[in-house]
Amino acid sequence: MPASARRRSLLVGTALVAATALAATPAASAHTGQQPQPKPTVVLVHGAFADASGWAEVTRRLQRSGHTVLAPANPLRSVDSDSAYLASILQTIPGPIVLVGHSYGGVVITNAAAGNPNVKALVYVAAFAPDEGETVYGLQGKFPGTKLTEEALDLRPYPLPDGGVSYDGYVKPALFRDIFAGDLPAATAAVMATAQRPGDAHTLQQPSGVPAWRSVPSWYLVARNDNLIPAATQRFMAQRAGARTVEVRASHVAMISQPAATTDLIRAAARAAAR
């Protein structure tokens, strides 16, 4: 090939390479600028008479959506110590957090989230959402309908580190399904009654602190057929907190009997937290 032809061929080849590179650069830059943000970590907190296994199906659904999920054991010893324990766990989590509480777990998340800038959303699932100074006992009886009376509890003593004695409360097995899990099969509720985690009875009268829902966006799942926290009480707390609210036909354990609705609400909170 003559030298002039070789030069023309080289120039054309160089121009084609350059044009291809220029055409690819915007797409590459756009791709780089649109890296997906990590999804918020979801922390699921159980209440009294239950344990973290109650979140099993919700956990599976959230994990399929790509969320990191933690479901720590709630000590159920006192409002202050339970909240401090959860707060210490939250301090170990980098990035945004969606904090979810069921029943008494709502009291714990309300207090544990205070002052943690990583907590971007609170989700209450048939849960207590107390204001400062309020107690579980006071809220539970605010509106008629609860079946969790003193007569429904078995109290068993346990020793304290200082040598004193306190009392754990268990829902009486014969009443457990009606109060706690009326829309679950009787055999399932019987197993849950046998394996229930008791809460220290003193937590019922212990005042809550400054609520995180005053500054953190909130969501609430109201269980219409709840015989532990009346639906009217749930609606009152949700409205006061300014929570985005969904209602379902469910017993107190709405996260077990209505896992799809529960998961959808948590996902909605997570999407808002990721913005």
C-alpha atoms as a PDB file:
ATOM      1  CA  MET A   1       0.000   0.000   0.000  1.00  0.00           C
ATOM      2  CA  PRO A   2       1.407   3.471  -0.883  1.00  0.00           C
ATOM      3  CA  ALA A   3       2.459   5.663   2.058  1.00  0.00           C
ATOM      4  CA  SER A   4      -0.299   8.205   1.344  1.00  0.00           C
ATOM      5  CA  ALA A   5      -2.967   5.495   1.448  1.00  0.00           C
ATOM      6  CA  ARG A   6      -1.609   4.132   4.706  1.00  0.00           C
ATOM      7  CA  ARG A   7      -1.789   7.621   6.231  1.00  0.00           C
ATOM      8  CA  ARG A   8      -5.409   8.073   5.078  1.00  0.00           C
ATOM      9  CA  SER A   9      -6.324   4.660   6.522  1.00  0.00           C
ATOM     10  CA  LEU A  10      -4.686   5.501   9.863  1.00  0.00           C
ATOM     11  CA  LEU A  11      -6.462   8.872  10.036  1.00  0.00           C
ATOM     12  CA  VAL A  12      -9.865   7.277   9.336  1.00  0.00           C
ATOM     13  CA  GLY A  13      -9.240   4.572  11.947  1.00  0.00           C
ATOM     14  CA  THR A  14      -8.187   7.127  14.548  1.00  0.00           C
ATOM     15  CA  ALA A  15     -11.272   9.243  13.853  1.00  0.00           C
ATOM     16  CA  LEU A  16     -13.560   6.214  14.248  1.00  0.00           C
ATOM     17  CA  VAL A  17     -11.972   5.285  17.599  1.00  0.00           C
ATOM     18  CA  ALA A  18     -12.294   8.863  18.837  1.00  0.00           C
ATOM     19  CA  ALA A  19     -15.941   9.119  17.722  1.00  0.00           C
ATOM     20  CA  THR A  20     -16.762   5.835  19.435  1.00  0.00           C
ATOM     21  CA  ALA A  21     -15.112   7.005  22.654  1.00  0.00           C
ATOM     22  CA  LEU A  22     -16.949  10.332  22.598  1.00  0.00           C
ATOM     23  CA  ALA A  23     -20.259   8.604  21.993  1.00  0.00           C
ATOM     24  CA  ALA A  24     -19.668   6.231  24.896  1.00  0.00           C
ATOM     25  CA  THR A  25     -18.510   8.875  27.377  1.00  0.00           C
ATOM     26  CA  PRO A  26     -21.907  10.481  28.155  1.00  0.00           C
ATOM     27  CA  ALA A  27     -23.518   7.096  28.714  1.00  0.00           C
ATOM     28  CA  ALA A  28     -20.677   6.018  30.967  1.00  0.00           C
ATOM     29  CA  SER A  29     -20.842   9.292  32.871  1.00  0.00           C
ATOM     30  CA  ALA A  30     -24.606   9.041  33.225  1.00  0.00           C
ATOM     31  CA  HIS A  31     -24.284   5.482  34.505  1.00  0.00           C
ATOM     32  CA  THR A  32     -21.642   6.558  37.015  1.00  0.00           C
ATOM     33  CA  GLY A  33     -23.819   9.424  38.216  1.00  0.00           C
ATOM     34  CA  GLN A  34     -26.805   7.166  38.790  1.00  0.00           C
ATOM     35  CA  GLN A  35     -25.330   4.573  41.084  1.00  0.00           C
ATOM     36  CA  PRO A  36     -28.180   3.216  43.215  1.00  0.00           C
ATOM     37  CA  GLN A  37     -28.129   4.348  46.833  1.00  0.00           C
ATOM     38  CA  PRO A  38     -27.973   1.609  49.472  1.00  0.00           C
ATOM     39  CA  LYS A  39     -31.400   0.784  50.884  1.00  0.00           C
ATOM     40  CA  PRO A  40     -32.056   1.711  54.515  1.00  0.00           C
ATOM     41  CA  THR A  41     -31.420  -0.936  57.120  1.00  0.00           C
ATOM     42  CA  VAL A  42     -34.700  -2.081  58.664  1.00  0.00           C
ATOM     43  CA  VAL A  43     -34.662  -2.806  62.403  1.00  0.00           C
ATOM     44  CA  LEU A  44     -37.656  -4.798  63.689  1.00  0.00           C
ATOM     45  CA  VAL A  45     -38.431  -4.613  67.418  1.00  0.00           C
ATOM     46  CA  HIS A  46     -40.848  -7.020  69.091  1.00  0.00           C
ATOM     47  CA  GLY A  47     -42.903  -6.314  72.186  1.00  0.00           C
ATOM     48  CA  ALA A  48     -43.907  -8.260  75.269  1.00  0.00           C
ATOM     49  CA  PHE A  49     -45.393 -11.789  75.093  1.00  0.00           C
ATOM     50  CA  ALA A  50     -43.563 -12.290  71.760  1.00  0.00           C
ATOM     51  CA  ASP A  51     -40.083 -12.590  70.309  1.00  0.00           C
ATOM     52  CA  ALA A  52     -38.255 -11.729  67.094  1.00  0.00           C
ATOM     53  CA  SER A  53     -39.603 -14.834  65.321  1.00  0.00           C
ATOM     54  CA  GLY A  54     -42.879 -12.949  64.898  1.00  0.00           C
ATOM     55  CA  TRP A  55     -41.141 -10.914  62.197  1.00  0.00           C
ATOM     56  CA  ALA A  56     -40.075 -14.003  60.183  1.00  0.00           C
ATOM     57  CA  GLU A  57     -42.286 -13.547  57.109  1.00  0.00           C
ATOM     58  CA  VAL A  58     -41.839  -9.765  57.061  1.00  0.00           C
ATOM     59  CA  THR A  59     -38.079 -10.324  57.250  1.00  0.00           C
ATOM     60  CA  ARG A  60     -38.131 -12.727  54.305  1.00  0.00           C
ATOM     61  CA  ARG A  61     -40.098 -10.254  52.189  1.00  0.00           C
ATOM     62  CA  LEU A  62     -37.818  -7.344  53.064  1.00  0.00           C
ATOM     63  CA  GLN A  63     -34.704  -9.379  52.337  1.00  0.00           C
ATOM     64  CA  ARG A  64     -36.109 -10.302  48.926  1.00  0.00           C
ATOM     65  CA  SER A  65     -36.433  -6.553  48.323  1.00  0.00           C
ATOM     66  CA  GLY A  66     -32.730  -6.100  49.035  1.00  0.00           C
ATOM     67  CA  HIS A  67     -32.954  -4.693  52.553  1.00  0.00           C
ATOM     68  CA  THR A  68     -30.559  -5.510  55.357  1.00  0.00           C
ATOM     69  CA  VAL A  69     -32.765  -6.504  58.298  1.00  0.00           C
ATOM     70  CA  LEU A  70     -32.031  -6.775  62.019  1.00  0.00           C
ATOM     71  CA  ALA A  71     -34.535  -8.152  64.532  1.00  0.00           C
ATOM     72  CA  PRO A  72     -32.833  -7.849  67.926  1.00  0.00           C
ATOM     73  CA  ALA A  73     -34.077  -9.388  71.138  1.00  0.00           C
ATOM     74  CA  ASN A  74     -35.915  -6.818  73.250  1.00  0.00           C
ATOM     75  CA  PRO A  75     -34.835  -7.387  76.890  1.00  0.00           C
ATOM     76  CA  LEU A  76     -38.300  -6.460  78.277  1.00  0.00           C
ATOM     77  CA  ARG A  77     -36.868  -5.318  81.600  1.00  0.00           C
ATOM     78  CA  SER A  78     -37.703  -1.588  81.782  1.00  0.00           C
ATOM     79  CA  VAL A  79     -38.519   1.286  79.461  1.00  0.00           C
ATOM     80  CA  ASP A  80     -35.211   3.026  80.151  1.00  0.00           C
ATOM     81  CA  SER A  81     -32.941  -0.009  79.904  1.00  0.00           C
ATOM     82  CA  ASP A  82     -34.731  -1.527  76.897  1.00  0.00           C
ATOM     83  CA  SER A  83     -34.494   1.795  75.054  1.00  0.00           C
ATOM     84  CA  ALA A  84     -30.827   2.209  75.951  1.00  0.00           C
ATOM     85  CA  TYR A  85     -30.095  -1.309  74.727  1.00  0.00           C
ATOM     86  CA  LEU A  86     -31.751  -0.675  71.369  1.00  0.00           C
ATOM     87  CA  ALA A  87     -30.068   2.732  71.064  1.00  0.00           C
ATOM     88  CA  SER A  88     -26.677   1.031  71.468  1.00  0.00           C
ATOM     89  CA  ILE A  89     -27.518  -1.347  68.603  1.00  0.00           C
ATOM     90  CA  LEU A  90     -28.618   1.521  66.376  1.00  0.00           C
ATOM     91  CA  GLN A  91     -25.283   3.255  66.961  1.00  0.00           C
ATOM     92  CA  THR A  92     -23.524   0.356  65.216  1.00  0.00           C
ATOM     93  CA  ILE A  93     -25.532   0.699  61.982  1.00  0.00           C
ATOM     94  CA  PRO A  94     -24.117   2.943  59.247  1.00  0.00           C
ATOM     95  CA  GLY A  95     -26.442   4.789  56.915  1.00  0.00           C
ATOM     96  CA  PRO A  96     -30.199   5.369  57.070  1.00  0.00           C
ATOM     97  CA  ILE A  97     -32.396   3.284  59.370  1.00  0.00           C
ATOM     98  CA  VAL A  98     -36.098   2.468  59.307  1.00  0.00           C
ATOM     99  CA  LEU A  99     -37.098   1.550  62.850  1.00  0.00           C
ATOM    100  CA  VAL A 100     -40.164  -0.649  63.294  1.00  0.00           C
ATOM    101  CA  GLY A 101     -41.910  -1.518  66.543  1.00  0.00           C
ATOM    102  CA  HIS A 102     -44.769  -3.828  67.495  1.00  0.00           C
ATOM    103  CA  SER A 103     -46.818  -3.432  70.671  1.00  0.00           C
ATOM    104  CA  TYR A 104     -44.509  -2.432  73.575  1.00  0.00           C
ATOM    105  CA  GLY A 105     -41.721  -2.319  70.983  1.00  0.00           C
ATOM    106  CA  GLY A 106     -43.311   0.967  69.912  1.00  0.00           C
ATOM    107  CA  VAL A 107     -42.425   2.470  73.296  1.00  0.00           C
ATOM    108  CA  VAL A 108     -38.853   1.300  72.866  1.00  0.00           C
ATOM    109  CA  ILE A 109     -38.367   2.711  69.349  1.00  0.00           C
ATOM    110  CA  THR A 110     -40.002   5.997  70.407  1.00  0.00           C
ATOM    111  CA  ASN A 111     -37.272   6.469  73.004  1.00  0.00           C
ATOM    112  CA  ALA A 112     -34.295   4.727  71.388  1.00  0.00           C
ATOM    113  CA  ALA A 113     -34.434   6.786  68.180  1.00  0.00           C
ATOM    114  CA  ALA A 114     -34.140  10.117  69.977  1.00  0.00           C
ATOM    115  CA  GLY A 115     -30.978  11.956  68.970  1.00  0.00           C
ATOM    116  CA  ASN A 116     -29.887   9.433  66.310  1.00  0.00           C
ATOM    117  CA  PRO A 117     -29.732  11.245  62.936  1.00  0.00           C
ATOM    118  CA  ASN A 118     -29.551   7.941  61.030  1.00  0.00           C
ATOM    119  CA  VAL A 119     -33.122   7.023  62.001  1.00  0.00           C
ATOM    120  CA  LYS A 120     -35.094   8.380  59.062  1.00  0.00           C
ATOM    121  CA  ALA A 121     -38.476   6.731  59.665  1.00  0.00           C
ATOM    122  CA  LEU A 122     -40.504   5.144  62.459  1.00  0.00           C
ATOM    123  CA  VAL A 123     -43.079   2.461  61.685  1.00  0.00           C
ATOM    124  CA  TYR A 124     -45.594   1.421  64.338  1.00  0.00           C
ATOM    125  CA  VAL A 125     -47.359  -1.930  63.856  1.00  0.00           C
ATOM    126  CA  ALA A 126     -50.285  -2.153  66.292  1.00  0.00           C
ATOM    127  CA  ALA A 127     -47.864  -0.456  68.663  1.00  0.00           C
ATOM    128  CA  PHE A 128     -47.745   2.055  71.466  1.00  0.00           C
ATOM    129  CA  ALA A 129     -46.560   5.495  70.338  1.00  0.00           C
ATOM    130  CA  PRO A 130     -46.441   7.355  73.659  1.00  0.00           C
ATOM    131  CA  ASP A 131     -45.921  11.033  74.290  1.00  0.00           C
ATOM    132  CA  GLU A 132     -43.591  12.233  77.019  1.00  0.00           C
ATOM    133  CA  GLY A 133     -44.716  11.071  80.454  1.00  0.00           C
ATOM    134  CA  GLU A 134     -47.292   8.578  79.182  1.00  0.00           C
ATOM    135  CA  THR A 135     -47.353   4.925  80.234  1.00  0.00           C
ATOM    136  CA  VAL A 136     -48.426   1.691  78.574  1.00  0.00           C
ATOM    137  CA  TYR A 137     -51.057   1.207  81.268  1.00  0.00           C
ATOM    138  CA  GLY A 138     -52.523   4.657  80.710  1.00  0.00           C
ATOM    139  CA  LEU A 139     -52.644   4.367  76.930  1.00  0.00           C
ATOM    140  CA  GLN A 140     -54.036   0.832  76.987  1.00  0.00           C
ATOM    141  CA  GLY A 141     -57.052   2.007  78.952  1.00  0.00           C
ATOM    142  CA  LYS A 142     -57.529   5.341  77.197  1.00  0.00           C
ATOM    143  CA  PHE A 143     -60.367   3.913  75.109  1.00  0.00           C
ATOM    144  CA  PRO A 144     -62.529   0.875  75.946  1.00  0.00           C
ATOM    145  CA  GLY A 145     -61.834  -2.492  74.385  1.00  0.00           C
ATOM    146  CA  THR A 146     -58.649  -4.010  75.776  1.00  0.00           C
ATOM    147  CA  LYS A 147     -58.910  -7.534  77.122  1.00  0.00           C
ATOM    148  CA  LEU A 148     -55.452  -7.463  78.706  1.00  0.00           C
ATOM    149  CA  THR A 149     -56.587  -6.899  82.277  1.00  0.00           C
ATOM    150  CA  GLU A 150     -54.704  -7.766  85.439  1.00  0.00           C
ATOM    151  CA  GLU A 151     -56.817 -10.915  85.688  1.00  0.00           C
ATOM    152  CA  ALA A 152     -55.520 -12.037  82.280  1.00  0.00           C
ATOM    153  CA  LEU A 153     -51.902 -12.123  83.480  1.00  0.00           C
ATOM    154  CA  ASP A 154     -49.883 -14.696  85.351  1.00  0.00           C
ATOM    155  CA  LEU A 155     -47.214 -12.944  87.444  1.00  0.00           C
ATOM    156  CA  ARG A 156     -44.054 -14.865  88.254  1.00  0.00           C
ATOM    157  CA  PRO A 157     -41.265 -13.510  90.478  1.00  0.00           C
ATOM    158  CA  TYR A 158     -37.658 -13.310  89.338  1.00  0.00           C
ATOM    159  CA  PRO A 159     -34.557 -12.159  91.248  1.00  0.00           C
ATOM    160  CA  LEU A 160     -32.903  -8.802  90.623  1.00  0.00           C
ATOM    161  CA  PRO A 161     -29.109  -8.287  90.720  1.00  0.00           C
ATOM    162  CA  ASP A 162     -29.418  -6.198  93.913  1.00  0.00           C
ATOM    163  CA  GLY A 163     -31.127  -9.062  95.728  1.00  0.00           C
ATOM    164  CA  GLY A 164     -34.632  -7.721  95.268  1.00  0.00           C
ATOM    165  CA  VAL A 165     -37.510  -9.314  93.414  1.00  0.00           C
ATOM    166  CA  SER A 166     -39.553  -8.195  90.424  1.00  0.00           C
ATOM    167  CA  TYR A 167     -42.370  -9.839  88.484  1.00  0.00           C
ATOM    168  CA  ASP A 168     -42.697 -11.043  84.916  1.00  0.00           C
ATOM    169  CA  GLY A 169     -46.114 -10.954  83.299  1.00  0.00           C
ATOM    170  CA  TYR A 170     -47.372 -13.733  81.024  1.00  0.00           C
ATOM    171  CA  VAL A 171     -50.731 -13.798  79.256  1.00  0.00           C
ATOM    172  CA  LYS A 172     -52.652 -16.784  80.623  1.00  0.00           C
ATOM    173  CA  PRO A 173     -52.504 -19.557  77.997  1.00  0.00           C
ATOM    174  CA  ALA A 174     -56.271 -20.037  77.956  1.00  0.00           C
ATOM    175  CA  LEU A 175     -56.741 -16.361  77.051  1.00  0.00           C
ATOM    176  CA  PHE A 176     -53.722 -15.870  74.813  1.00  0.00           C
ATOM    177  CA  ARG A 177     -55.353 -16.454  71.428  1.00  0.00           C
ATOM    178  CA  ASP A 178     -58.365 -14.233  72.132  1.00  0.00           C
ATOM    179  CA  ILE A 179     -56.224 -11.355  73.420  1.00  0.00           C
ATOM    180  CA  PHE A 180     -53.146 -11.636  71.251  1.00  0.00           C
ATOM    181  CA  ALA A 181     -53.615 -13.709  68.106  1.00  0.00           C
ATOM    182  CA  GLY A 182     -57.282 -14.215  67.317  1.00  0.00           C
ATOM    183  CA  ASP A 183     -56.775 -14.511  63.559  1.00  0.00           C
ATOM    184  CA  LEU A 184     -54.088 -17.205  63.756  1.00  0.00           C
ATOM    185  CA  PRO A 185     -54.812 -20.960  63.870  1.00  0.00           C
ATOM    186  CA  ALA A 186     -55.478 -22.219  67.378  1.00  0.00           C
ATOM    187  CA  ALA A 187     -52.506 -24.583  67.209  1.00  0.00           C
ATOM    188  CA  THR A 188     -50.162 -21.736  66.217  1.00  0.00           C
ATOM    189  CA  ALA A 189     -51.448 -19.503  69.007  1.00  0.00           C
ATOM    190  CA  ALA A 190     -51.027 -22.344  71.513  1.00  0.00           C
ATOM    191  CA  VAL A 191     -47.344 -22.675  70.606  1.00  0.00           C
ATOM    192  CA  MET A 192     -46.880 -18.899  70.860  1.00  0.00           C
ATOM    193  CA  ALA A 193     -48.522 -18.904  74.288  1.00  0.00           C
ATOM    194  CA  THR A 194     -46.101 -21.580  75.450  1.00  0.00           C
ATOM    195  CA  ALA A 195     -43.041 -19.742  74.117  1.00  0.00           C
ATOM    196  CA  GLN A 196     -44.064 -16.176  75.004  1.00  0.00           C
ATOM    197  CA  ARG A 197     -41.399 -13.778  76.280  1.00  0.00           C
ATOM    198  CA  PRO A 198     -42.704 -12.141  79.457  1.00  0.00           C
ATOM    199  CA  GLY A 199     -42.284  -8.466  80.211  1.00  0.00           C
ATOM    200  CA  ASP A 200     -41.494  -7.004  83.600  1.00  0.00           C
ATOM    201  CA  ALA A 201     -44.843  -5.884  84.984  1.00  0.00           C
ATOM    202  CA  HIS A 202     -43.347  -2.585  86.127  1.00  0.00           C
ATOM    203  CA  THR A 203     -42.926  -1.445  82.509  1.00  0.00           C
ATOM    204  CA  LEU A 204     -46.689  -0.884  82.395  1.00  0.00           C
ATOM    205  CA  GLN A 205     -46.368   2.102  84.748  1.00  0.00           C
ATOM    206  CA  GLN A 206     -43.006   3.525  83.625  1.00  0.00           C
ATOM    207  CA  PRO A 207     -43.208   6.924  81.860  1.00  0.00           C
ATOM    208  CA  SER A 208     -41.907   7.366  78.339  1.00  0.00           C
ATOM    209  CA  GLY A 209     -39.422  10.084  77.393  1.00  0.00           C
ATOM    210  CA  VAL A 210     -39.417  12.765  74.703  1.00  0.00           C
ATOM    211  CA  PRO A 211     -40.858  11.001  71.636  1.00  0.00           C
ATOM    212  CA  ALA A 212     -38.799  10.650  68.479  1.00  0.00           C
ATOM    213  CA  TRP A 213     -41.988  10.914  66.378  1.00  0.00           C
ATOM    214  CA  ARG A 214     -41.983  14.646  67.034  1.00  0.00           C
ATOM    215  CA  SER A 215     -39.026  14.996  64.673  1.00  0.00           C
ATOM    216  CA  VAL A 216     -38.899  11.726  62.692  1.00  0.00           C
ATOM    217  CA  PRO A 217     -41.525  10.913  60.001  1.00  0.00           C
ATOM    218  CA  SER A 218     -43.842   8.123  61.111  1.00  0.00           C
ATOM    219  CA  TRP A 219     -46.047   5.421  59.628  1.00  0.00           C
ATOM    220  CA  TYR A 220     -48.701   3.401  61.483  1.00  0.00           C
ATOM    221  CA  LEU A 221     -50.451   0.096  60.775  1.00  0.00           C
ATOM    222  CA  VAL A 222     -53.758   0.008  62.675  1.00  0.00           C
ATOM    223  CA  ALA A 223     -55.073  -3.477  63.513  1.00  0.00           C
ATOM    224  CA  ARG A 224     -58.855  -3.104  63.574  1.00  0.00           C
ATOM    225  CA  ASN A 225     -59.536  -6.327  65.511  1.00  0.00           C
ATOM    226  CA  ASP A 226     -56.863  -5.819  68.165  1.00  0.00           C
ATOM    227  CA  ASN A 227     -58.003  -6.971  71.631  1.00  0.00           C
ATOM    228  CA  LEU A 228     -54.855  -5.712  73.366  1.00  0.00           C
ATOM    229  CA  ILE A 229     -54.479  -2.125  72.081  1.00  0.00           C
ATOM    230  CA  PRO A 230     -57.946  -0.991  70.980  1.00  0.00           C
ATOM    231  CA  ALA A 231     -58.106   0.325  67.419  1.00  0.00           C
ATOM    232  CA  ALA A 232     -59.405   3.650  68.747  1.00  0.00           C
ATOM    233  CA  THR A 233     -56.236   4.022  70.805  1.00  0.00           C
ATOM    234  CA  GLN A 234     -54.086   3.162  67.801  1.00  0.00           C
ATOM    235  CA  ARG A 235     -55.850   5.756  65.649  1.00  0.00           C
ATOM    236  CA  PHE A 236     -55.434   8.375  68.373  1.00  0.00           C
ATOM    237  CA  MET A 237     -51.691   7.751  68.654  1.00  0.00           C
ATOM    238  CA  ALA A 238     -51.196   7.632  64.876  1.00  0.00           C
ATOM    239  CA  GLN A 239     -53.040  10.907  64.324  1.00  0.00           C
ATOM    240  CA  ARG A 240     -51.166  12.635  67.139  1.00  0.00           C
ATOM    241  CA  ALA A 241     -47.823  11.549  65.690  1.00  0.00           C
ATOM    242  CA  GLY A 242     -48.813  12.738  62.225  1.00  0.00           C
ATOM    243  CA  ALA A 243     -48.261   9.221  60.941  1.00  0.00           C
ATOM    244  CA  ARG A 244     -49.192   8.019  57.484  1.00  0.00           C
ATOM    245  CA  THR A 245     -51.711   5.355  58.395  1.00  0.00           C
ATOM    246  CA  VAL A 246     -52.988   2.105  56.920  1.00  0.00           C
ATOM    247  CA  GLU A 247     -55.704  -0.029  58.516  1.00  0.00           C
ATOM    248  CA  VAL A 248     -56.024  -3.801  58.213  1.00  0.00           C
ATOM    249  CA  ARG A 249     -58.441  -6.392  59.539  1.00  0.00           C
ATOM    250  CA  ALA A 250     -56.067  -8.095  61.954  1.00  0.00           C
ATOM    251  CA  SER A 251     -55.483  -9.139  65.541  1.00  0.00           C
ATOM    252  CA  HIS A 252     -52.685  -7.687  67.667  1.00  0.00           C
ATOM    253  CA  VAL A 253     -50.083  -9.699  65.730  1.00  0.00           C
ATOM    254  CA  ALA A 254     -50.761  -7.960  62.424  1.00  0.00           C
ATOM    255  CA  MET A 255     -47.186  -8.554  61.249  1.00  0.00           C
ATOM    256  CA  ILE A 256     -47.877 -12.318  61.369  1.00  0.00           C
ATOM    257  CA  SER A 257     -51.439 -12.442  60.021  1.00  0.00           C
ATOM    258  CA  GLN A 258     -50.963  -9.583  57.523  1.00  0.00           C
ATOM    259  CA  PRO A 259     -47.283  -9.747  56.503  1.00  0.00           C
ATOM    260  CA  ALA A 260     -47.880  -8.303  53.019  1.00  0.00           C
ATOM    261  CA  ALA A 261     -49.578  -5.150  54.318  1.00  0.00           C
ATOM    262  CA  THR A 262     -46.962  -4.792  57.046  1.00  0.00           C
ATOM    263  CA  THR A 263     -44.104  -5.160  54.579  1.00  0.00           C
ATOM    264  CA  ASP A 264     -45.679  -2.736  52.119  1.00  0.00           C
ATOM    265  CA  LEU A 265     -45.911  -0.062  54.808  1.00  0.00           C
ATOM    266  CA  ILE A 266     -42.279  -0.597  55.820  1.00  0.00           C
ATOM    267  CA  ARG A 267     -41.210  -0.381  52.174  1.00  0.00           C
ATOM    268  CA  ALA A 268     -43.092   2.893  51.809  1.00  0.00           C
ATOM    269  CA  ALA A 269     -41.235   4.285  54.820  1.00  0.00           C
ATOM    270  CA  ALA A 270     -37.947   2.991  53.394  1.00  0.00           C
ATOM    271  CA  ARG A 271     -38.553   4.672  50.038  1.00  0.00           C
ATOM    272  CA  ALA A 272     -39.213   7.977  51.780  1.00  0.00           C
ATOM    273  CA  ALA A 273     -36.127   7.526  53.950  1.00  0.00           C
ATOM    274  CA  ALA A 274     -33.922   6.922  50.899  1.00  0.00           C
ATOM    275  CA  ARG A 275     -34.813  10.236  49.233  1.00  0.00           C
END
